[in-house]
Each structure stands twice: as structure tokens, then as C-alpha cells.
């Protein structure tokens, strides 16, 4: 999970704080996890908590007038989670995802795979909400074309 957070935020201090907040939240709410009954996974539940804590950290930083650090450079090695996702999302859907432009894939990953709202995705990626909406629409159109 830390690797995935580092791909979204280059500041190690923020990543460490988010990891600590995530583990604390999981400890406090472990009894509330009902993933088995609704088809969710523990990893998905953990990532949702971590992603939301990262958005909160970006909001706190923005509130203190410090711009969030950019995500890890595009040339960085892919995260283990992304490689696993690529292995599980195969066939036509996997091919369509790989054909998307990186900026469209980022928005699609944050909104669809990570389950973030437009506002949370906007804060996470450091983009205006309108840009997030436009990229999400472009990604959906491109996916639809690739899959038909």
C-alpha cells in the first residue's frame, strides 16, 4: 500500500503519516468491515481508507497554502499493485486500459478503481474539478470505443 501511496505523493513524510492514520482507522473500525458479505476485499477496503486519508492530507496542506507535491515521475517503475491489476484485468478491458493516455488512465483509476469522488480525485491529482470531469468522460468514451 505504501508503494501505491508513493506513486500518488512524492513526499515521504505525508506517505508515512497517511499510512499511520490508515492503520489507526483500520484498528478502530476493523469490526465494521463487512467485505465478505458484500463481495468486497480487505485490500480494497484498506486502499479506500488510505486514499481518503491521502486526500485529507492534501486538503490540510492546501489549507496551509502549501501546494501538494506532484505524483511520482512517469518514468518510475510500475507499482506492484498496478502489475497485479494488469494481470487481473486482462483481455479486451486490459488492452483498452493500456491504450488510454496516462492522464486519462490516472483519472479513471482514481474514480473507478479507487472509488474516489470527482472532488477527491481533483485534490489527489492536483487538477481542477472540471478537468477531472472532462478526462473521466474522455476515458469512458475511449474505453467504449475500444470495447465495441
Protein backbone atom coordinates (compact mmCIF):
# COMPACT_ATOMS: atom_id res chain seq x y z
CA UNK A 1 0.00 0.00 0.00
CA UNK A 2 2.89 2.36 0.75
CA UNK A 3 4.22 1.89 -2.78
CA UNK A 4 0.85 2.82 -4.21
CA UNK A 5 0.67 5.92 -2.00
CA UNK A 6 4.20 6.93 -3.05
CA UNK A 7 3.08 6.84 -6.68
CA UNK A 8 0.43 9.41 -5.77
CA UNK A 9 2.59 11.57 -3.48
CA UNK A 10 6.36 12.07 -3.57
CA UNK A 11 6.54 13.45 -0.02
CA UNK A 12 7.69 10.58 2.23
CA UNK A 13 6.51 12.38 5.38
CA UNK A 14 2.94 12.62 4.07
CA UNK A 15 3.01 8.98 2.97
CA UNK A 16 4.21 7.92 6.44
CA UNK A 17 1.51 10.00 8.13
CA UNK A 18 -1.17 8.60 5.83
CA UNK A 19 0.00 5.03 6.50
CA UNK A 20 -0.15 5.65 10.26
CA UNK A 21 -3.62 7.25 10.02
CA UNK A 22 -4.80 4.36 7.85
CA UNK A 23 -3.64 1.70 10.28
CA UNK A 24 -5.19 3.58 13.17
CA UNK A 25 -8.50 3.89 11.29
CA UNK A 26 -8.43 0.19 10.41
CA UNK A 27 -7.70 -0.73 14.03
CA UNK A 28 -10.63 1.34 15.23
CA UNK A 29 -13.07 0.15 12.56
CA UNK A 30 -11.98 -3.45 11.98
CA UNK A 31 -15.27 -4.75 13.33
CA UNK A 32 -17.16 -2.70 10.75
CA UNK A 33 -15.56 -4.49 7.79
CA UNK A 34 -18.31 -6.39 6.06
CA UNK A 35 -16.45 -7.15 2.85
CA UNK A 36 -17.18 -10.84 2.80
CA UNK A 37 -20.92 -10.22 2.92
CA UNK A 38 -20.93 -7.61 0.13
CA UNK A 39 -18.24 -9.09 -2.09
CA UNK A 40 -15.52 -6.57 -1.18
CA UNK A 41 -11.96 -7.39 -0.35
CA UNK A 42 -9.90 -6.33 2.64
CA UNK A 43 -7.28 -4.84 0.32
CA UNK A 44 -9.92 -2.72 -1.41
CA UNK A 45 -11.23 -1.57 1.95
CA UNK A 46 -7.71 -0.66 3.12
CA UNK A 47 -6.95 1.21 -0.09
CA UNK A 48 -10.19 3.19 0.13
CA UNK A 49 -9.27 4.29 3.65
CA UNK A 50 -5.70 5.15 2.63
CA UNK A 51 -6.77 7.07 -0.49
CA UNK A 52 -9.23 9.13 1.51
CA UNK A 53 -6.60 9.84 4.16
CA UNK A 54 -4.23 11.00 1.39
CA UNK A 55 -6.89 13.36 0.06
CA UNK A 56 -7.36 14.68 3.59
CA UNK A 57 -3.60 15.25 3.89
CA UNK A 58 -3.60 17.18 0.60
CA UNK A 59 -6.52 19.28 1.85
CA UNK A 60 -4.68 20.07 5.09
CA UNK A 61 -1.61 21.05 3.10
CA UNK A 62 -3.67 23.23 0.74
CA UNK A 63 -5.31 24.85 3.75
CA UNK A 64 -1.86 25.86 4.96
CA UNK A 65 -1.09 27.35 1.50
CA UNK A 66 1.48 24.74 0.54
CA UNK A 67 0.90 23.16 -2.88
CA UNK A 68 0.84 19.34 -2.89
CA UNK A 69 3.89 17.64 -4.31
CA UNK A 70 3.49 16.09 -7.73
CA UNK A 71 2.98 12.38 -8.08
CA UNK A 72 5.98 10.19 -8.72
CA UNK A 73 7.61 10.74 -12.12
CA UNK A 74 6.09 8.99 -15.12
CA UNK A 75 9.33 7.11 -15.79
CA UNK A 76 9.23 5.35 -12.41
CA UNK A 77 8.83 1.60 -12.30
CA UNK A 78 5.21 0.46 -12.08
CA UNK A 79 3.88 -0.34 -8.65
CA UNK A 80 3.31 -3.96 -7.71
CA UNK A 81 -0.42 -3.21 -7.37
CA UNK A 82 -0.53 -1.92 -10.94
CA UNK A 83 1.24 -5.01 -12.22
CA UNK A 84 -1.20 -7.21 -10.33
CA UNK A 85 -4.10 -5.18 -11.68
CA UNK A 86 -2.77 -5.53 -15.21
CA UNK A 87 -2.59 -9.29 -14.68
CA UNK A 88 -6.17 -9.50 -13.39
CA UNK A 89 -7.69 -7.01 -15.83
CA UNK A 90 -6.96 -8.91 -18.95
CA UNK A 91 -8.49 -9.40 -22.32
CA UNK A 92 -10.21 -6.54 -24.09
CA UNK A 93 -10.66 -4.41 -20.96
CA UNK A 94 -6.96 -4.66 -20.07
CA UNK A 95 -5.96 -3.80 -23.63
CA UNK A 96 -8.32 -0.80 -23.64
CA UNK A 97 -6.91 0.42 -20.30
CA UNK A 98 -3.34 0.16 -21.56
CA UNK A 99 -4.23 2.15 -24.69
CA UNK A 100 -5.55 5.11 -22.68
CA UNK A 101 -3.40 8.22 -22.38
CA UNK A 102 -1.70 8.34 -18.96
CA UNK A 103 -3.68 11.39 -17.79
CA UNK A 104 -6.96 9.64 -18.66
CA UNK A 105 -5.85 6.40 -17.02
CA UNK A 106 -4.95 8.27 -13.79
CA UNK A 107 -8.42 9.79 -13.52
CA UNK A 108 -10.12 6.51 -14.37
CA UNK A 109 -8.03 4.65 -11.79
CA UNK A 110 -8.77 7.18 -9.06
CA UNK A 111 -12.51 7.37 -9.74
CA UNK A 112 -13.36 3.82 -10.75
CA UNK A 113 -10.76 1.56 -9.18
CA UNK A 114 -10.08 3.62 -6.05
CA UNK A 115 -13.70 4.78 -5.69
CA UNK A 116 -12.90 8.46 -5.18
CA UNK A 117 -15.32 11.28 -5.94
CA UNK A 118 -14.62 14.00 -8.51
CA UNK A 119 -13.60 16.38 -5.73
CA UNK A 120 -11.31 13.83 -4.07
CA UNK A 121 -9.74 12.94 -7.42
CA UNK A 122 -9.25 16.65 -8.10
CA UNK A 123 -7.40 17.13 -4.83
CA UNK A 124 -5.42 13.93 -5.21
CA UNK A 125 -4.19 14.72 -8.73
CA UNK A 126 -3.93 18.48 -8.24
CA UNK A 127 -6.36 19.23 -11.06
CA UNK A 128 -9.45 21.43 -11.30
CA UNK A 129 -12.72 19.52 -10.89
CA UNK A 130 -13.78 20.44 -14.42
CA UNK A 131 -10.61 18.88 -15.82
CA UNK A 132 -11.25 15.70 -13.84
CA UNK A 133 -14.81 15.51 -15.21
CA UNK A 134 -13.61 16.10 -18.77
CA UNK A 135 -10.88 13.48 -18.52
CA UNK A 136 -13.28 10.97 -16.97
CA UNK A 137 -15.70 11.50 -19.84
CA UNK A 138 -12.92 11.20 -22.43
CA UNK A 139 -11.71 8.00 -20.75
CA UNK A 140 -15.21 6.48 -20.77
CA UNK A 141 -15.66 7.35 -24.45
CA UNK A 142 -12.25 5.88 -25.34
CA UNK A 143 -12.99 2.71 -23.35
CA UNK A 144 -16.40 2.36 -25.01
CA UNK A 145 -14.87 2.73 -28.49
CA UNK A 146 -12.11 0.25 -27.72
CA UNK A 147 -14.58 -2.32 -26.39
CA UNK A 148 -17.12 -2.18 -29.21
